[in-house]
Amino acid sequence: ETLGFAGDNFSRISGDAVKLAETQLFAWDAEKKTGIEGAVHMQADPSKAELMRKKVESRGMDLKERKRKAVLDRYGGEEYLDAAGGAASTTTTKNGKSVSFG
């Protein structure tokens, strides 16, 4: 079965258009945070903007992982995490009922 015409925006919501929009938002946010107009200029230097966005994202992920590791080192509880690295998907309440999260 073939799909009918899905509209112009259907093709724009996938692939590079989404990455481009994320990078543009990053550039605007960087300008707000630094207070320097054109600190990251998407149109003038798109490669630099993309590299800066990736660098900031990787730093954020590294910081998140370091915080997670510090909490686990200090308080323990790693055995209660599932294989995917998130919280356990089920738990038992006071009255003995099993509750599922996620």
C-alpha atoms as a PDB file:
ATOM      1  CA  GLU A   1       0.000   0.000   0.000  1.00  0.00           C
ATOM      2  CA  THR A   2       1.405   3.393  -0.929  1.00  0.00           C
ATOM      3  CA  LEU A   3       0.961   6.523   1.088  1.00  0.00           C
ATOM      4  CA  GLY A   4      -0.642   9.578  -0.381  1.00  0.00           C
ATOM      5  CA  PHE A   5       0.915  13.016  -0.319  1.00  0.00           C
ATOM      6  CA  ALA A   6       1.996  13.697   3.261  1.00  0.00           C
ATOM      7  CA  GLY A   7       2.773  17.394   2.810  1.00  0.00           C
ATOM      8  CA  ASP A   8       5.944  19.371   2.388  1.00  0.00           C
ATOM      9  CA  ASN A   9       6.916  19.205   6.049  1.00  0.00           C
ATOM     10  CA  PHE A  10       6.897  15.407   6.029  1.00  0.00           C
ATOM     11  CA  SER A  11      10.295  15.285   4.348  1.00  0.00           C
ATOM     12  CA  ARG A  12      11.685  18.100   6.484  1.00  0.00           C
ATOM     13  CA  ILE A  13      11.086  16.342   9.783  1.00  0.00           C
ATOM     14  CA  SER A  14      13.711  13.670   9.163  1.00  0.00           C
ATOM     15  CA  GLY A  15      17.418  13.497   8.551  1.00  0.00           C
ATOM     16  CA  ASP A  16      19.610  16.556   8.324  1.00  0.00           C
ATOM     17  CA  ALA A  17      16.790  19.065   8.727  1.00  0.00           C
ATOM     18  CA  VAL A  18      16.320  18.008  12.348  1.00  0.00           C
ATOM     19  CA  LYS A  19      20.065  18.228  13.048  1.00  0.00           C
ATOM     20  CA  LEU A  20      20.195  21.634  11.408  1.00  0.00           C
ATOM     21  CA  ALA A  21      17.327  22.889  13.572  1.00  0.00           C
ATOM     22  CA  GLU A  22      19.013  21.543  16.726  1.00  0.00           C
ATOM     23  CA  THR A  23      22.253  23.299  15.788  1.00  0.00           C
ATOM     24  CA  GLN A  24      20.406  26.558  15.113  1.00  0.00           C
ATOM     25  CA  LEU A  25      18.738  26.365  18.533  1.00  0.00           C
ATOM     26  CA  PHE A  26      22.130  25.676  20.085  1.00  0.00           C
ATOM     27  CA  ALA A  27      23.550  28.769  18.376  1.00  0.00           C
ATOM     28  CA  TRP A  28      20.719  30.948  19.676  1.00  0.00           C
ATOM     29  CA  ASP A  29      21.068  29.545  23.204  1.00  0.00           C
ATOM     30  CA  ALA A  30      24.835  30.080  23.140  1.00  0.00           C
ATOM     31  CA  GLU A  31      24.276  33.689  22.123  1.00  0.00           C
ATOM     32  CA  LYS A  32      21.858  34.206  25.020  1.00  0.00           C
ATOM     33  CA  LYS A  33      24.153  32.564  27.571  1.00  0.00           C
ATOM     34  CA  THR A  34      27.345  34.316  26.517  1.00  0.00           C
ATOM     35  CA  GLY A  35      25.775  37.671  25.819  1.00  0.00           C
ATOM     36  CA  ILE A  36      27.958  37.981  22.723  1.00  0.00           C
ATOM     37  CA  GLU A  37      25.971  38.530  19.561  1.00  0.00           C
ATOM     38  CA  GLY A  38      27.058  36.064  16.901  1.00  0.00           C
ATOM     39  CA  ALA A  39      29.160  33.958  19.289  1.00  0.00           C
ATOM     40  CA  VAL A  40      28.135  30.924  17.257  1.00  0.00           C
ATOM     41  CA  HIS A  41      26.926  31.966  13.833  1.00  0.00           C
ATOM     42  CA  MET A  42      25.092  29.157  12.100  1.00  0.00           C
ATOM     43  CA  GLN A  43      25.115  30.636   8.608  1.00  0.00           C
ATOM     44  CA  ALA A  44      28.633  32.093   8.645  1.00  0.00           C
ATOM     45  CA  ASP A  45      30.353  29.000  10.050  1.00  0.00           C
ATOM     46  CA  PRO A  46      28.061  25.951  10.177  1.00  0.00           C
ATOM     47  CA  SER A  47      30.906  23.489  10.748  1.00  0.00           C
ATOM     48  CA  LYS A  48      32.113  25.365  13.815  1.00  0.00           C
ATOM     49  CA  ALA A  49      28.561  25.583  15.163  1.00  0.00           C
ATOM     50  CA  GLU A  50      28.021  21.843  14.700  1.00  0.00           C
ATOM     51  CA  LEU A  51      31.351  20.961  16.325  1.00  0.00           C
ATOM     52  CA  MET A  52      30.624  23.237  19.281  1.00  0.00           C
ATOM     53  CA  ARG A  53      27.174  21.681  19.722  1.00  0.00           C
ATOM     54  CA  LYS A  54      28.634  18.165  19.678  1.00  0.00           C
ATOM     55  CA  LYS A  55      31.361  19.194  22.132  1.00  0.00           C
ATOM     56  CA  VAL A  56      28.838  20.704  24.560  1.00  0.00           C
ATOM     57  CA  GLU A  57      26.620  17.622  24.294  1.00  0.00           C
ATOM     58  CA  SER A  58      29.524  15.264  24.979  1.00  0.00           C
ATOM     59  CA  ARG A  59      30.603  17.346  27.982  1.00  0.00           C
ATOM     60  CA  GLY A  60      27.055  17.194  29.290  1.00  0.00           C
ATOM     61  CA  MET A  61      26.938  13.423  28.910  1.00  0.00           C
ATOM     62  CA  ASP A  62      30.356  13.081  30.595  1.00  0.00           C
ATOM     63  CA  LEU A  63      29.216  15.265  33.499  1.00  0.00           C
ATOM     64  CA  LYS A  64      26.011  13.277  33.871  1.00  0.00           C
ATOM     65  CA  GLU A  65      27.944   9.998  33.932  1.00  0.00           C
ATOM     66  CA  ARG A  66      30.457  11.353  36.488  1.00  0.00           C
ATOM     67  CA  LYS A  67      27.601  12.474  38.750  1.00  0.00           C
ATOM     68  CA  ARG A  68      25.929   9.085  38.421  1.00  0.00           C
ATOM     69  CA  LYS A  69      29.181   7.291  39.243  1.00  0.00           C
ATOM     70  CA  ALA A  70      29.833   9.560  42.244  1.00  0.00           C
ATOM     71  CA  VAL A  71      26.383   8.854  43.667  1.00  0.00           C
ATOM     72  CA  LEU A  72      26.785   5.111  43.154  1.00  0.00           C
ATOM     73  CA  ASP A  73      30.266   5.166  44.725  1.00  0.00           C
ATOM     74  CA  ARG A  74      29.019   7.092  47.723  1.00  0.00           C
ATOM     75  CA  TYR A  75      25.674   5.399  48.336  1.00  0.00           C
ATOM     76  CA  GLY A  76      25.887   2.130  46.418  1.00  0.00           C
ATOM     77  CA  GLY A  77      22.824   0.560  44.866  1.00  0.00           C
ATOM     78  CA  GLU A  78      24.231  -0.377  41.501  1.00  0.00           C
ATOM     79  CA  GLU A  79      22.673  -3.824  41.878  1.00  0.00           C
ATOM     80  CA  TYR A  80      19.232  -2.185  41.689  1.00  0.00           C
ATOM     81  CA  LEU A  81      19.828  -0.744  38.242  1.00  0.00           C
ATOM     82  CA  ASP A  82      18.815  -2.690  35.163  1.00  0.00           C
ATOM     83  CA  ALA A  83      21.140  -3.630  32.313  1.00  0.00           C
ATOM     84  CA  ALA A  84      20.185  -0.513  30.323  1.00  0.00           C
ATOM     85  CA  GLY A  85      21.562   1.747  33.063  1.00  0.00           C
ATOM     86  CA  GLY A  86      18.260   3.161  34.248  1.00  0.00           C
ATOM     87  CA  ALA A  87      16.221   2.574  37.355  1.00  0.00           C
ATOM     88  CA  ALA A  88      14.729  -0.824  38.011  1.00  0.00           C
ATOM     89  CA  SER A  89      11.514  -1.271  36.092  1.00  0.00           C
ATOM     90  CA  THR A  90       9.489  -2.884  38.895  1.00  0.00           C
ATOM     91  CA  THR A  91       9.263  -2.376  42.625  1.00  0.00           C
ATOM     92  CA  THR A  92       7.130  -3.666  45.463  1.00  0.00           C
ATOM     93  CA  THR A  93       5.015  -1.275  47.537  1.00  0.00           C
ATOM     94  CA  LYS A  94       4.295  -1.500  51.280  1.00  0.00           C
ATOM     95  CA  ASN A  95       1.145  -3.523  50.741  1.00  0.00           C
ATOM     96  CA  GLY A  96       2.969  -6.096  48.600  1.00  0.00           C
ATOM     97  CA  LYS A  97       1.753  -4.987  45.184  1.00  0.00           C
ATOM     98  CA  SER A  98       4.238  -4.916  42.347  1.00  0.00           C
ATOM     99  CA  VAL A  99       4.432  -1.619  40.465  1.00  0.00           C
ATOM    100  CA  SER A 100       6.039  -1.241  37.042  1.00  0.00           C
ATOM    101  CA  PHE A 101       7.743   1.953  35.853  1.00  0.00           C
ATOM    102  CA  GLY A 102       8.855   2.870  32.396  1.00  0.00           C
END
